[in-house]
Amino acid sequence: DGDGDGDGDGDGDGDGDICGGIGGLTCDGGEFCLYPAGTCNVVDNLGVCTEIPTACTGEVDPVCGCNGVSYNNACEAYAAQVSIDYKGSCTG
């Protein structure tokens, strides 16, 4: 993409880099590795480096994080640097 950040999206900010996987690729500071929803237990799973939110709305649209914790919405899960397993509160 020619912008020098290595993420292939052309914007120069580093967001969008591939992370995780067998190589344990990490993200830059202020980012976390966001895995696709519903893929929490996939071996060698690849995610995308995503900016950690610093503020979220009060919206209530529960999600279950890959850590087994329920969050009021996806933003709150991402602020905790947790990917989403499924929509709705965690069960069990």
Protein backbone atom coordinates (compact mmCIF):
# COMPACT_ATOMS: atom_id res chain seq x y z
CA ASP A 1 0.00 0.00 0.00
CA GLY A 2 3.07 2.26 0.11
CA ASP A 3 2.31 4.11 3.36
CA GLY A 4 5.04 2.40 5.38
CA ASP A 5 2.90 1.06 8.23
CA GLY A 6 2.78 -2.49 6.92
CA ASP A 7 -0.95 -3.05 7.30
CA GLY A 8 -1.99 -2.97 3.68
CA ASP A 9 -4.87 -0.52 4.09
CA GLY A 10 -3.01 2.56 2.89
CA ASP A 11 -3.91 4.92 5.73
CA GLY A 12 -0.57 4.96 7.55
CA ASP A 13 -1.98 4.39 11.06
CA GLY A 14 -1.08 0.74 11.72
CA ASP A 15 -4.71 -0.26 12.36
CA GLY A 16 -5.55 -3.32 10.35
CA ASP A 17 -2.30 -5.22 10.90
CA ILE A 18 -2.75 -8.98 11.22
CA CYS A 19 -2.17 -10.30 14.76
CA GLY A 20 -2.30 -13.53 16.74
CA GLY A 21 -1.79 -16.83 14.94
CA ILE A 22 0.92 -19.38 15.53
CA GLY A 23 3.54 -16.62 15.41
CA GLY A 24 1.87 -14.69 18.25
CA LEU A 25 1.92 -11.46 16.24
CA THR A 26 1.25 -8.47 18.49
CA CYS A 27 -0.27 -5.02 18.01
CA ASP A 28 1.10 -1.54 18.60
CA GLY A 29 0.41 0.31 21.85
CA GLY A 30 -3.18 1.51 22.12
CA GLU A 31 -4.40 -1.42 20.01
CA PHE A 32 -5.60 -4.94 20.76
CA CYS A 33 -5.99 -8.05 18.64
CA LEU A 34 -9.66 -8.30 17.60
CA TYR A 35 -10.63 -11.81 16.54
CA PRO A 36 -13.70 -12.51 14.39
CA ALA A 37 -16.86 -13.04 16.47
CA GLY A 38 -17.47 -16.65 17.39
CA THR A 39 -13.88 -17.78 16.83
CA CYS A 40 -12.59 -17.62 20.40
CA ASN A 41 -11.32 -21.19 20.57
CA VAL A 42 -9.91 -21.50 17.04
CA VAL A 43 -6.31 -22.73 17.07
CA ASP A 44 -3.86 -20.35 15.36
CA ASN A 45 -6.66 -17.78 14.99
CA LEU A 46 -5.72 -14.56 13.21
CA GLY A 47 -7.17 -11.21 14.20
CA VAL A 48 -6.83 -7.59 13.19
CA CYS A 49 -5.14 -4.88 15.28
CA THR A 50 -7.86 -2.47 16.38
CA GLU A 51 -7.71 0.74 18.38
CA ILE A 52 -8.78 0.33 22.02
CA PRO A 53 -11.85 2.55 22.60
CA THR A 54 -11.44 5.21 25.26
CA ALA A 55 -15.15 6.01 25.64
CA CYS A 56 -18.33 4.04 24.98
CA THR A 57 -22.00 4.96 24.85
CA GLY A 58 -24.48 3.68 27.43
CA GLU A 59 -26.14 1.48 24.81
CA VAL A 60 -27.33 -1.88 26.17
CA ASP A 61 -26.84 -4.58 23.53
CA PRO A 62 -25.23 -7.40 25.54
CA VAL A 63 -22.38 -9.50 24.20
CA CYS A 64 -20.42 -12.40 25.66
CA GLY A 65 -16.68 -11.93 25.57
CA CYS A 66 -14.15 -14.63 24.77
CA ASN A 67 -13.20 -14.46 28.45
CA GLY A 68 -16.70 -15.62 29.50
CA VAL A 69 -17.67 -12.16 30.84
CA SER A 70 -20.86 -10.35 29.75
CA TYR A 71 -20.52 -6.75 28.55
CA ASN A 72 -23.28 -4.16 27.98
CA ASN A 73 -22.12 -3.70 24.36
CA ALA A 74 -19.29 -4.50 21.96
CA CYS A 75 -17.50 -1.22 22.71
CA GLU A 76 -17.20 -2.12 26.41
CA ALA A 77 -15.75 -5.52 25.49
CA TYR A 78 -13.26 -3.88 23.13
CA ALA A 79 -12.33 -1.31 25.80
CA ALA A 80 -11.44 -4.31 28.00
CA GLN A 81 -9.41 -5.67 25.02
CA VAL A 82 -11.72 -8.68 24.67
CA SER A 83 -13.11 -10.11 21.43
CA ILE A 84 -16.75 -11.22 21.25
CA ASP A 85 -17.81 -14.85 21.36
CA TYR A 86 -21.52 -14.22 20.69
CA LYS A 87 -24.33 -11.66 20.99
CA GLY A 88 -26.26 -11.81 24.26
CA SER A 89 -25.19 -12.27 27.84
CA CYS A 90 -22.89 -15.16 28.67
CA THR A 91 -24.64 -18.31 29.87
CA GLY A 92 -23.35 -21.01 32.18
